[in-house]
Amino acid sequence: MAGAEACTYTTDEALSRVGFGRFQAMLLVVLGTGWIAEAMEIMLQSFVGPSLTLGTAPAGMAGGEPCTYTTDKALSRVGFGRFQALLLVVLGTGWIAEAMEIMLQSFVGPSVKAEWRVSAEEEGLVTSVVFVGMLLGACAGGLGSDRFGRRLGFLFTTLVTGISGFLCAFSPNYASLITLRFVVGLGLGASHVLPTWFLEFVPAETRGSWMAAFSSFFTLGTILEALLAWAVMPILGWRWLLGLSSLPCFILLIFSGLIPESPRYLCSRGRTSDAMLVLERIARMNNRSLPPGILTSDLKRRVDHKIGASSIFQFFFAYYGIVLLVSEVSNGNRSCASVGPHLTQPKDSNLYINVLVTSFAEFPGLLVAALLVDRVGRRVSMGGLILFCCASVVPLAINLRGGFAVTLLFCARSFSTGCFAVLRAYSPEIYPTSCRNTGVGVANSIARIGSAIAPLMTITLLENCLEKEAVFAIVLPLFLAGVGCAFFPLETKGRDMY
């Protein structure tokens, strides 16, 4: 005490007074042990990390990073099951509708010529104007479906084709019929969205063979159209045929809500969460599971390979020339036709029988394509089938009538259809998802030029008894197209679609 006041001191003064002794020594040992523990936890990372990379990572993890997978890996994991079977039937119905609209030209043309007294060139224009519309519709449909989605392209082709096709039945004159058939062509031009949409749900390992199965719906459409024409034309006439042929489009609209947007398209637009929901739906329907991890958008882009535009033009020209040869083989009205039973009216049965026979020929070609495409590859399959088709057409220059001609056309139609199936698989595979339908649409537009020219040239040549010239006009493009397949720069068998 000093002056009645208490003396004070700080903690530092107290610790300095007591010094470093046994208490601090004990504290050093205890707390130092904790420091040792922390140092050991930090340093073990240098030894454990390499061992983890050599071992098996936990599900969904790899070296501390989340596992990722692409759409192709997901589709390979879930396989081809009930979902794809449903897709095959619904979109295949659209393919039936396209086939019916295209094949009815073989029956409507002669009837229109007889009713309105039009020339052979004007008869050919009824078919050609459809392909001119398809030329424009292919580009528009491709751009739209790449920009706004596959569903929009699907609705465009279905609505435009169905409504305009139905209105064709009420055409008051030749000019209105030509105009409406042009609009039908606009809708049909976008129909390439259907096989592309289907392929974007199919695993890479079996895309080619399933595309051949999808193409069989086109064949089924040609057969249904021939049967419908056989039943309707002799009794009700060509207007009823046009109206009834549009019905599959309206049936297709009823079931359109069953098909989701393509997960490849959704990923290409950065909507991976939406794509994940679609893939989960596919997995549930197929009773399979998705790979562990997170879906990622594969941003890699394949080198820009261009499919041979001239080869596609030549093949489409030849294919529709072969189709129209069937009706001309059955037509006895041409002055150079052989003596015997003649088809003086569209009501006669020869035309329908021949179209049916040659339409059934497409099934063997599709079977051959399904067996070859995923084994020997796309280019070899296309080139071989085209050259065999060419060899089947050449003898028609000698005899374009009777059972001999129908047999040759049977073979030619079979090989050409098989090639079509391979081409429909190959074309979407060489373009990235972001511009797939645009690329296929442009290629189809070029092809439709050949489709539009073929009816005008083939019918005109045959009407003027230039049979050998008509056959040669088909053989030359076929041969060039077959050779051109060897120069396609890319083989897509088993490759991922980017």
Protein backbone atom coordinates (compact mmCIF):
# COMPACT_ATOMS: atom_id res chain seq x y z
CA MET A 1 0.00 0.00 0.00
CA ALA A 2 1.30 3.53 -0.74
CA GLY A 3 -0.75 6.66 0.11
CA ALA A 4 -3.76 4.42 0.99
CA GLU A 5 -3.92 3.17 -2.66
CA ALA A 6 -3.56 -0.52 -3.78
CA CYS A 7 -0.54 -1.49 -5.88
CA THR A 8 -1.36 -2.88 -9.45
CA TYR A 9 0.47 -4.87 -12.15
CA THR A 10 -0.21 -6.25 -15.62
CA THR A 11 -0.25 -9.87 -16.92
CA ASP A 12 3.04 -9.31 -18.72
CA GLU A 13 4.63 -8.10 -15.45
CA ALA A 14 3.32 -11.17 -13.65
CA LEU A 15 4.60 -13.62 -16.31
CA SER A 16 7.98 -11.92 -16.30
CA ARG A 17 8.09 -12.32 -12.50
CA VAL A 18 7.22 -16.07 -12.48
CA GLY A 19 9.41 -16.87 -15.55
CA PHE A 20 9.46 -20.04 -17.81
CA GLY A 21 9.24 -23.11 -15.66
CA ARG A 22 7.61 -26.51 -15.38
CA PHE A 23 4.12 -25.20 -16.27
CA GLN A 24 5.23 -23.75 -19.61
CA ALA A 25 7.23 -26.88 -20.38
CA MET A 26 4.12 -29.04 -19.92
CA LEU A 27 2.12 -26.60 -22.11
CA LEU A 28 4.77 -26.81 -24.84
CA VAL A 29 4.52 -30.61 -25.01
CA VAL A 30 0.70 -30.76 -25.03
CA LEU A 31 0.01 -28.02 -27.60
CA GLY A 32 3.03 -29.01 -29.70
CA THR A 33 1.44 -32.44 -30.12
CA GLY A 34 -1.57 -30.76 -31.76
CA TRP A 35 0.75 -28.89 -34.13
CA ILE A 36 2.36 -32.20 -35.05
CA ALA A 37 -1.09 -33.63 -35.89
CA GLU A 38 -1.90 -30.71 -38.21
CA ALA A 39 1.44 -31.00 -39.99
CA MET A 40 0.88 -34.71 -40.58
CA GLU A 41 -2.61 -34.14 -42.11
CA ILE A 42 -1.19 -31.57 -44.50
CA MET A 43 1.83 -33.55 -45.61
CA LEU A 44 -0.01 -36.84 -46.25
CA GLN A 45 -1.60 -35.26 -49.39
CA SER A 46 1.78 -35.62 -51.12
CA PHE A 47 1.65 -39.40 -50.68
CA VAL A 48 -2.08 -40.25 -50.87
CA GLY A 49 -2.94 -38.21 -54.04
CA PRO A 50 -0.97 -40.34 -56.56
CA SER A 51 -2.37 -43.52 -55.02
CA LEU A 52 -5.96 -42.31 -55.47
CA THR A 53 -5.44 -41.61 -59.18
CA LEU A 54 -4.29 -45.20 -59.66
CA GLY A 55 -7.18 -46.64 -57.72
CA THR A 56 -10.94 -46.62 -58.29
CA ALA A 57 -12.62 -43.28 -57.66
CA PRO A 58 -15.97 -43.12 -55.92
CA ALA A 59 -19.07 -43.10 -58.14
CA GLY A 60 -19.50 -39.71 -59.75
CA MET A 61 -15.95 -38.61 -58.86
CA ALA A 62 -12.59 -38.87 -60.60
CA GLY A 63 -9.53 -37.31 -58.94
CA GLY A 64 -11.84 -35.02 -56.97
CA GLU A 65 -13.66 -33.81 -60.10
CA PRO A 66 -17.27 -34.73 -61.04
CA CYS A 67 -17.64 -37.41 -63.76
CA THR A 68 -19.22 -36.19 -66.99
CA TYR A 69 -20.75 -37.94 -69.99
CA THR A 70 -22.01 -36.93 -73.42
CA THR A 71 -25.33 -37.61 -75.13
CA ASP A 72 -23.73 -40.39 -77.20
CA LYS A 73 -22.51 -42.18 -74.06
CA ALA A 74 -25.93 -41.83 -72.46
CA LEU A 75 -27.73 -43.24 -75.52
CA SER A 76 -25.26 -46.14 -75.74
CA ARG A 77 -25.94 -46.89 -72.07
CA VAL A 78 -29.76 -46.86 -72.33
CA GLY A 79 -29.71 -48.68 -75.70
CA PHE A 80 -32.52 -49.11 -78.22
CA GLY A 81 -35.71 -49.90 -76.34
CA ARG A 82 -39.37 -49.03 -75.94
CA PHE A 83 -38.82 -45.30 -76.27
CA GLN A 84 -37.08 -45.61 -79.64
CA ALA A 85 -39.70 -48.12 -80.80
CA LEU A 86 -42.41 -45.54 -80.04
CA LEU A 87 -40.38 -42.90 -81.84
CA LEU A 88 -39.96 -45.20 -84.83
CA VAL A 89 -43.72 -45.70 -85.18
CA VAL A 90 -44.74 -42.04 -84.69
CA LEU A 91 -42.09 -40.47 -86.94
CA GLY A 92 -42.41 -43.39 -89.36
CA THR A 93 -46.04 -42.36 -89.85
CA GLY A 94 -44.72 -39.03 -91.12
CA TRP A 95 -42.51 -40.90 -93.55
CA ILE A 96 -45.59 -42.83 -94.75
CA ALA A 97 -47.34 -39.51 -95.36
CA GLU A 98 -44.44 -38.22 -97.47
CA ALA A 99 -44.29 -41.40 -99.52
CA MET A 100 -48.02 -41.26 -100.25
CA GLU A 101 -47.85 -37.63 -101.39
CA ILE A 102 -44.92 -38.35 -103.69
CA MET A 103 -46.18 -41.64 -105.11
CA LEU A 104 -49.66 -40.38 -105.93
CA GLN A 105 -48.04 -38.45 -108.79
CA SER A 106 -47.83 -41.72 -110.71
CA PHE A 107 -51.64 -41.99 -110.63
CA VAL A 108 -52.84 -38.39 -110.68
CA GLY A 109 -50.78 -37.22 -113.65
CA PRO A 110 -52.45 -39.39 -116.32
CA SER A 111 -55.93 -38.60 -114.93
CA VAL A 112 -55.28 -34.85 -114.93
CA LYS A 113 -54.00 -35.08 -118.49
CA ALA A 114 -57.14 -36.89 -119.60
CA GLU A 115 -59.59 -34.59 -117.77
CA TRP A 116 -58.08 -31.20 -118.59
CA ARG A 117 -56.49 -32.10 -121.96
CA VAL A 118 -53.02 -30.93 -120.94
CA SER A 119 -49.81 -31.76 -122.79
CA ALA A 120 -47.18 -34.28 -121.75
CA GLU A 121 -44.98 -31.43 -120.50
CA GLU A 122 -47.84 -30.08 -118.37
CA GLU A 123 -48.48 -33.56 -117.01
CA GLY A 124 -44.84 -33.79 -115.96
CA LEU A 125 -45.11 -30.35 -114.35
CA VAL A 126 -47.72 -31.69 -111.89
CA THR A 127 -44.90 -33.79 -110.43
CA SER A 128 -41.99 -31.42 -111.01
CA VAL A 129 -43.62 -28.49 -109.23
CA VAL A 130 -43.76 -30.57 -106.04
CA PHE A 131 -40.01 -31.04 -106.15
CA VAL A 132 -39.46 -27.34 -106.83
CA GLY A 133 -41.41 -26.65 -103.64
CA MET A 134 -39.33 -29.27 -101.84
CA LEU A 135 -36.17 -27.48 -102.96
CA LEU A 136 -37.25 -24.33 -101.09
CA GLY A 137 -38.90 -26.14 -98.20
CA ALA A 138 -35.77 -28.18 -97.47
CA CYS A 139 -33.69 -25.06 -96.83
CA ALA A 140 -36.41 -23.30 -94.82
CA GLY A 141 -37.20 -26.38 -92.76
CA GLY A 142 -33.53 -27.07 -92.07
CA LEU A 143 -32.80 -23.53 -90.91
CA GLY A 144 -35.94 -23.40 -88.77
CA SER A 145 -35.38 -26.73 -87.03
CA ASP A 146 -31.75 -25.86 -86.25
CA ARG A 147 -32.73 -22.47 -84.89
CA PHE A 148 -36.00 -23.23 -83.08
CA GLY A 149 -35.92 -26.99 -82.56
CA ARG A 150 -36.82 -30.27 -84.24
CA ARG A 151 -40.41 -30.08 -83.04
CA LEU A 152 -41.03 -26.86 -84.96
CA GLY A 153 -39.69 -28.40 -88.17
CA PHE A 154 -41.91 -31.41 -87.56
CA LEU A 155 -45.03 -29.27 -87.08
CA PHE A 156 -44.20 -27.21 -90.18
CA THR A 157 -43.87 -30.19 -92.51
CA THR A 158 -46.96 -31.92 -91.09
CA LEU A 159 -49.34 -28.95 -91.12
CA VAL A 160 -48.32 -27.50 -94.49
CA THR A 161 -48.32 -30.89 -96.24
CA GLY A 162 -51.60 -32.04 -94.72
CA ILE A 163 -53.64 -28.86 -95.27
CA SER A 164 -52.40 -28.09 -98.79
CA GLY A 165 -52.63 -31.75 -99.80
CA PHE A 166 -56.25 -31.87 -98.71
CA LEU A 167 -57.09 -28.62 -100.54
CA CYS A 168 -55.66 -30.09 -103.77
CA ALA A 169 -58.75 -32.28 -103.97
CA PHE A 170 -60.87 -29.16 -104.55
CA SER A 171 -58.74 -27.62 -107.31
CA PRO A 172 -61.08 -26.03 -109.89
CA ASN A 173 -58.47 -25.93 -112.67
CA TYR A 174 -54.96 -26.87 -113.69
CA ALA A 175 -53.36 -23.63 -112.43
CA SER A 176 -54.79 -23.98 -108.92
CA LEU A 177 -53.70 -27.61 -108.76
CA ILE A 178 -50.15 -26.67 -109.74
CA THR A 179 -50.09 -23.91 -107.11
CA LEU A 180 -51.32 -26.16 -104.31
CA ARG A 181 -48.96 -28.98 -105.27
CA PHE A 182 -46.13 -26.45 -105.02
CA VAL A 183 -47.23 -25.68 -101.44
CA VAL A 184 -47.35 -29.42 -100.73
CA GLY A 185 -43.74 -29.51 -101.90
CA LEU A 186 -42.81 -26.78 -99.42
CA GLY A 187 -44.10 -28.95 -96.60
CA LEU A 188 -42.54 -32.15 -97.92
CA GLY A 189 -39.20 -30.38 -98.30
CA ALA A 190 -38.88 -30.08 -94.52
CA SER A 191 -39.62 -33.78 -93.99
CA HIS A 192 -35.89 -34.56 -93.70
CA VAL A 193 -36.34 -33.37 -90.10
CA LEU A 194 -38.08 -36.69 -89.35
CA PRO A 195 -35.19 -39.13 -90.00
CA THR A 196 -32.72 -36.67 -88.48
CA TRP A 197 -34.86 -36.36 -85.34
CA PHE A 198 -35.08 -40.16 -85.14
CA LEU A 199 -31.32 -40.69 -85.57
CA GLU A 200 -30.55 -38.24 -82.77
CA PHE A 201 -32.12 -40.70 -80.30
CA VAL A 202 -30.39 -43.87 -81.62
CA PRO A 203 -27.08 -45.27 -80.26
CA ALA A 204 -24.11 -44.89 -82.61
CA GLU A 205 -23.52 -48.65 -82.89
CA THR A 206 -26.80 -49.35 -84.69
CA ARG A 207 -27.73 -46.08 -86.40
CA GLY A 208 -27.31 -47.44 -89.92
CA SER A 209 -29.44 -50.56 -89.52
CA TRP A 210 -32.22 -48.68 -87.69
CA MET A 211 -32.24 -46.05 -90.43
CA ALA A 212 -32.94 -48.87 -92.87
CA ALA A 213 -35.84 -49.91 -90.64
CA PHE A 214 -37.09 -46.32 -90.59
CA SER A 215 -36.88 -46.18 -94.39
CA SER A 216 -39.23 -49.16 -94.60
CA PHE A 217 -42.05 -46.80 -93.61
CA PHE A 218 -41.51 -44.93 -96.88
CA THR A 219 -41.89 -48.24 -98.70
CA LEU A 220 -45.02 -48.99 -96.70
CA GLY A 221 -46.37 -45.60 -97.76
CA THR A 222 -45.84 -46.36 -101.45
CA ILE A 223 -47.65 -49.68 -101.07
CA LEU A 224 -50.55 -48.09 -99.19
CA GLU A 225 -50.82 -45.38 -101.85
CA ALA A 226 -50.94 -47.96 -104.65
CA LEU A 227 -53.65 -49.93 -102.83
CA LEU A 228 -55.59 -46.75 -102.07
CA ALA A 229 -55.36 -45.63 -105.70
CA TRP A 230 -56.47 -49.04 -106.91
CA ALA A 231 -59.54 -48.87 -104.65
CA VAL A 232 -60.42 -45.20 -105.12
CA MET A 233 -59.46 -44.15 -108.66
CA PRO A 234 -61.79 -46.43 -110.67
CA ILE A 235 -64.82 -45.43 -108.57
CA LEU A 236 -64.29 -41.97 -107.06
CA GLY A 237 -61.52 -40.47 -109.20
CA TRP A 238 -58.31 -38.59 -108.58
CA ARG A 239 -59.76 -35.87 -106.31
CA TRP A 240 -60.74 -38.40 -103.66
CA LEU A 241 -57.27 -39.92 -103.90
CA LEU A 242 -55.68 -36.53 -103.18
CA GLY A 243 -57.94 -35.90 -100.21
CA LEU A 244 -57.55 -39.33 -98.62
CA SER A 245 -53.78 -39.32 -99.13
CA SER A 246 -53.48 -36.31 -96.81
CA LEU A 247 -55.05 -38.10 -93.81
CA PRO A 248 -51.79 -39.57 -92.36
CA CYS A 249 -50.55 -36.02 -91.72
CA PHE A 250 -53.54 -35.27 -89.50
CA ILE A 251 -53.20 -38.62 -87.71
CA LEU A 252 -49.57 -37.76 -87.03
CA LEU A 253 -50.52 -34.49 -85.34
CA ILE A 254 -52.61 -36.37 -82.77
CA PHE A 255 -49.55 -38.25 -81.49
CA SER A 256 -47.01 -35.44 -81.90
CA GLY A 257 -47.02 -34.68 -78.16
CA LEU A 258 -45.46 -38.08 -77.39
CA ILE A 259 -42.08 -37.13 -78.82
CA PRO A 260 -39.78 -34.82 -76.81
CA GLU A 261 -37.25 -32.39 -78.20
CA SER A 262 -33.92 -33.91 -79.27
CA PRO A 263 -31.40 -34.00 -76.37
CA ARG A 264 -28.62 -33.34 -78.87
CA TYR A 265 -30.34 -30.15 -79.99
CA LEU A 266 -30.93 -29.10 -76.37
CA CYS A 267 -27.25 -29.62 -75.53
CA SER A 268 -26.18 -27.65 -78.60
CA ARG A 269 -28.27 -24.72 -77.30
CA GLY A 270 -26.75 -24.96 -73.82
CA ARG A 271 -29.92 -26.44 -72.27
CA THR A 272 -28.21 -29.44 -70.66
CA SER A 273 -30.69 -29.60 -67.76
CA ASP A 274 -33.59 -30.01 -70.22
CA ALA A 275 -31.59 -32.59 -72.16
CA MET A 276 -30.97 -34.46 -68.92
CA LEU A 277 -34.72 -34.67 -68.28
CA VAL A 278 -35.27 -36.14 -71.76
CA LEU A 279 -32.51 -38.72 -71.26
CA GLU A 280 -33.94 -39.69 -67.87
CA ARG A 281 -37.32 -40.26 -69.54
CA ILE A 282 -35.68 -42.49 -72.17
CA ALA A 283 -33.84 -44.45 -69.48
CA ARG A 284 -37.07 -45.03 -67.52
CA MET A 285 -38.97 -46.25 -70.59
CA ASN A 286 -36.10 -48.58 -71.54
CA ASN A 287 -35.65 -49.84 -67.94
CA ARG A 288 -32.02 -48.78 -68.01
CA SER A 289 -29.89 -46.30 -66.06
CA LEU A 290 -27.85 -43.33 -67.21
CA PRO A 291 -24.07 -43.23 -66.66
CA PRO A 292 -22.97 -41.81 -63.27
CA GLY A 293 -22.09 -38.15 -63.28
CA ILE A 294 -23.26 -35.01 -65.03
CA LEU A 295 -24.38 -34.56 -68.65
CA THR A 296 -22.12 -32.20 -70.55
CA SER A 297 -22.47 -30.56 -73.92
CA ASP A 298 -19.78 -31.83 -76.26
CA LEU A 299 -18.47 -28.64 -77.82
CA LYS A 300 -16.08 -30.41 -80.18
CA ARG A 301 -16.83 -29.95 -83.84
CA ARG A 302 -15.84 -32.26 -86.59
CA VAL A 303 -13.84 -30.98 -89.51
CA ASP A 304 -16.22 -29.60 -92.11
CA HIS A 305 -16.59 -32.41 -94.61
CA LYS A 306 -18.94 -31.79 -97.52
CA ILE A 307 -21.06 -34.56 -98.95
CA GLY A 308 -20.83 -34.70 -102.71
CA ALA A 309 -23.69 -32.47 -103.86
CA SER A 310 -23.39 -33.57 -107.47
CA SER A 311 -23.66 -37.24 -106.47
CA ILE A 312 -26.88 -36.60 -104.54
CA PHE A 313 -28.33 -34.63 -107.45
CA GLN A 314 -27.55 -37.46 -109.86
CA PHE A 315 -28.96 -40.15 -107.60
CA PHE A 316 -32.27 -38.36 -106.92
CA PHE A 317 -32.65 -37.66 -110.63
CA ALA A 318 -32.18 -41.33 -111.45
CA TYR A 319 -34.38 -42.63 -108.61
CA TYR A 320 -37.46 -40.64 -109.61
CA GLY A 321 -36.81 -41.43 -113.24
CA ILE A 322 -37.02 -45.13 -112.33
CA VAL A 323 -40.24 -44.57 -110.37
CA LEU A 324 -41.89 -42.84 -113.33
CA LEU A 325 -40.72 -45.55 -115.72
CA VAL A 326 -43.10 -47.90 -113.91
CA SER A 327 -46.18 -45.91 -114.92
CA GLU A 328 -44.86 -45.48 -118.45
CA VAL A 329 -44.15 -49.21 -118.79
CA SER A 330 -47.82 -49.78 -117.94
CA ASN A 331 -49.09 -47.11 -120.32
CA GLY A 332 -50.12 -48.34 -123.74
CA ASN A 333 -51.26 -44.94 -124.98
CA ARG A 334 -47.86 -44.11 -126.42
CA SER A 335 -47.84 -44.68 -130.17
CA CYS A 336 -44.64 -46.70 -129.93
CA ALA A 337 -46.10 -49.12 -127.38
CA SER A 338 -46.23 -52.75 -128.33
CA VAL A 339 -49.37 -54.28 -129.78
CA GLY A 340 -51.54 -55.89 -127.14
CA PRO A 341 -53.54 -54.88 -124.08
CA HIS A 342 -53.32 -51.12 -123.61
CA LEU A 343 -53.94 -48.91 -120.64
CA THR A 344 -56.39 -46.50 -122.17
CA GLN A 345 -57.81 -45.32 -118.84
CA PRO A 346 -56.28 -44.83 -115.40
CA LYS A 347 -58.94 -47.26 -114.19
CA ASP A 348 -57.10 -50.23 -115.70
CA SER A 349 -55.24 -52.41 -113.22
CA ASN A 350 -51.82 -52.77 -114.89
CA LEU A 351 -50.47 -49.53 -113.46
CA TYR A 352 -51.50 -50.36 -109.89
CA ILE A 353 -50.14 -53.90 -110.09
CA ASN A 354 -46.79 -52.77 -111.47
CA VAL A 355 -46.42 -50.03 -108.86
CA LEU A 356 -47.26 -52.54 -106.13
CA VAL A 357 -44.76 -55.09 -107.44
CA THR A 358 -41.92 -52.58 -107.73
CA SER A 359 -42.82 -51.07 -104.34
CA PHE A 360 -42.47 -54.48 -102.68
CA ALA A 361 -39.04 -54.58 -104.30
CA GLU A 362 -37.89 -51.97 -101.81
CA PHE A 363 -37.99 -54.41 -98.89
CA PRO A 364 -35.11 -56.63 -100.16
CA GLY A 365 -33.05 -53.50 -100.79
CA LEU A 366 -33.69 -52.26 -97.26
CA LEU A 367 -32.71 -55.64 -95.85
CA VAL A 368 -29.43 -55.59 -97.79
CA ALA A 369 -28.75 -52.05 -96.58
CA ALA A 370 -29.44 -53.02 -92.96
CA LEU A 371 -26.98 -55.92 -93.21
CA LEU A 372 -24.22 -53.91 -94.89
CA VAL A 373 -24.30 -50.39 -93.50
CA ASP A 374 -22.97 -51.07 -89.97
CA ARG A 375 -20.54 -53.74 -91.19
CA VAL A 376 -18.80 -52.51 -94.35
CA GLY A 377 -19.53 -48.82 -93.86
CA ARG A 378 -21.59 -46.13 -95.52
CA ARG A 379 -19.48 -45.30 -98.58
CA VAL A 380 -18.97 -48.86 -99.77
CA SER A 381 -22.64 -49.68 -99.23
CA MET A 382 -23.86 -46.66 -101.20
CA GLY A 383 -21.41 -47.07 -104.06
CA GLY A 384 -22.10 -50.78 -104.47
CA LEU A 385 -25.88 -50.46 -104.36
CA ILE A 386 -25.90 -47.61 -106.89
CA LEU A 387 -23.73 -49.50 -109.37
CA PHE A 388 -25.94 -52.61 -109.08
CA CYS A 389 -28.94 -50.36 -109.71
CA CYS A 390 -27.21 -48.98 -112.79
CA ALA A 391 -26.61 -52.50 -114.09
CA SER A 392 -30.33 -53.27 -113.66
CA VAL A 393 -31.44 -50.24 -115.68
CA VAL A 394 -29.12 -50.70 -118.70
CA PRO A 395 -31.04 -53.66 -120.26
CA LEU A 396 -34.21 -51.54 -120.35
CA ALA A 397 -32.76 -49.85 -123.42
CA ILE A 398 -33.40 -53.13 -125.25
CA ASN A 399 -36.92 -53.83 -123.99
CA LEU A 400 -39.06 -51.41 -121.98
CA ARG A 401 -42.23 -53.52 -121.91
CA GLY A 402 -43.74 -56.61 -120.36
CA GLY A 403 -42.59 -58.83 -117.54
CA PHE A 404 -38.92 -58.43 -118.46
CA ALA A 405 -39.05 -54.68 -117.88
CA VAL A 406 -40.99 -55.05 -114.62
CA THR A 407 -38.38 -57.53 -113.35
CA LEU A 408 -35.54 -55.16 -114.15
CA LEU A 409 -37.39 -52.27 -112.52
CA PHE A 410 -37.95 -54.50 -109.49
CA CYS A 411 -34.18 -54.96 -109.13
CA ALA A 412 -33.39 -51.31 -109.85
CA ARG A 413 -35.94 -50.09 -107.32
CA SER A 414 -34.59 -52.52 -104.72
CA PHE A 415 -30.98 -51.38 -105.05
CA SER A 416 -31.86 -47.68 -105.23
CA THR A 417 -34.01 -47.88 -102.10
CA GLY A 418 -31.21 -49.61 -100.21
CA CYS A 419 -28.90 -46.79 -101.20
CA PHE A 420 -31.48 -44.24 -100.07
CA ALA A 421 -31.56 -45.84 -96.62
CA VAL A 422 -27.78 -45.59 -96.29
CA LEU A 423 -27.78 -42.02 -97.60
CA ARG A 424 -30.40 -40.99 -95.04
CA ALA A 425 -28.13 -42.28 -92.28
CA TYR A 426 -24.92 -40.84 -93.71
CA SER A 427 -26.12 -37.30 -94.43
CA PRO A 428 -27.08 -36.32 -90.84
CA GLU A 429 -23.96 -37.97 -89.42
CA ILE A 430 -21.49 -35.68 -91.18
CA TYR A 431 -22.92 -32.42 -89.82
CA PRO A 432 -22.72 -31.12 -86.22
CA THR A 433 -25.97 -30.84 -84.28
CA SER A 434 -26.01 -27.03 -84.41
CA CYS A 435 -26.39 -27.04 -88.21
CA ARG A 436 -27.36 -30.65 -88.98
CA ASN A 437 -30.78 -30.00 -90.50
CA THR A 438 -29.52 -26.97 -92.38
CA GLY A 439 -26.75 -29.04 -93.97
CA VAL A 440 -29.07 -31.90 -94.83
CA GLY A 441 -31.65 -29.40 -96.10
CA VAL A 442 -29.18 -27.76 -98.47
CA ALA A 443 -28.09 -31.17 -99.76
CA ASN A 444 -31.73 -32.15 -100.25
CA SER A 445 -32.42 -28.90 -102.08
CA ILE A 446 -29.70 -29.71 -104.58
CA ALA A 447 -31.11 -33.22 -104.89
CA ARG A 448 -34.61 -31.91 -105.55
CA ILE A 449 -33.35 -30.13 -108.64
CA GLY A 450 -32.70 -33.58 -110.05
CA SER A 451 -36.08 -34.77 -108.76
CA ALA A 452 -37.83 -31.90 -110.55
CA ILE A 453 -36.01 -32.41 -113.84
CA ALA A 454 -36.51 -36.19 -113.93
CA PRO A 455 -40.32 -36.22 -114.49
CA LEU A 456 -40.15 -33.57 -117.22
CA MET A 457 -37.32 -35.29 -119.07
CA THR A 458 -38.44 -38.91 -118.60
CA ILE A 459 -42.10 -38.43 -119.51
CA THR A 460 -41.29 -36.16 -122.46
CA LEU A 461 -38.73 -38.58 -123.91
CA LEU A 462 -41.04 -41.58 -123.53
CA GLU A 463 -44.04 -39.72 -124.96
CA ASN A 464 -41.91 -39.04 -128.04
CA CYS A 465 -40.84 -42.71 -128.27
CA LEU A 466 -37.25 -41.92 -127.30
CA GLU A 467 -37.00 -44.92 -125.01
CA LYS A 468 -33.27 -45.57 -125.28
CA GLU A 469 -32.54 -41.90 -124.67
CA ALA A 470 -34.74 -41.98 -121.56
CA VAL A 471 -32.90 -45.01 -120.20
CA PHE A 472 -29.52 -43.45 -120.97
CA ALA A 473 -30.60 -40.26 -119.16
CA ILE A 474 -31.08 -42.37 -116.03
CA VAL A 475 -28.04 -44.64 -116.38
CA LEU A 476 -25.45 -41.88 -116.78
CA PRO A 477 -26.31 -40.03 -113.53
CA LEU A 478 -26.50 -43.36 -111.69
CA PHE A 479 -23.02 -44.35 -112.82
CA LEU A 480 -21.54 -40.97 -111.93
CA ALA A 481 -23.22 -41.05 -108.52
CA GLY A 482 -21.82 -44.51 -107.80
CA VAL A 483 -18.30 -43.44 -108.70
CA GLY A 484 -18.73 -40.24 -106.70
CA CYS A 485 -19.37 -42.21 -103.50
CA ALA A 486 -15.74 -43.33 -103.53
CA PHE A 487 -14.66 -39.71 -103.12
CA PHE A 488 -16.73 -38.93 -100.03
CA PRO A 489 -14.04 -37.84 -97.52
CA LEU A 490 -15.52 -39.28 -94.33
CA GLU A 491 -16.68 -42.68 -93.12
CA THR A 492 -19.16 -42.33 -90.23
CA LYS A 493 -19.72 -45.95 -89.24
CA GLY A 494 -19.82 -46.17 -85.43
CA ARG A 495 -18.78 -42.53 -84.92
CA ASP A 496 -20.36 -40.19 -82.40
CA MET A 497 -22.70 -37.46 -83.64
CA TYR A 498 -21.43 -34.05 -82.48
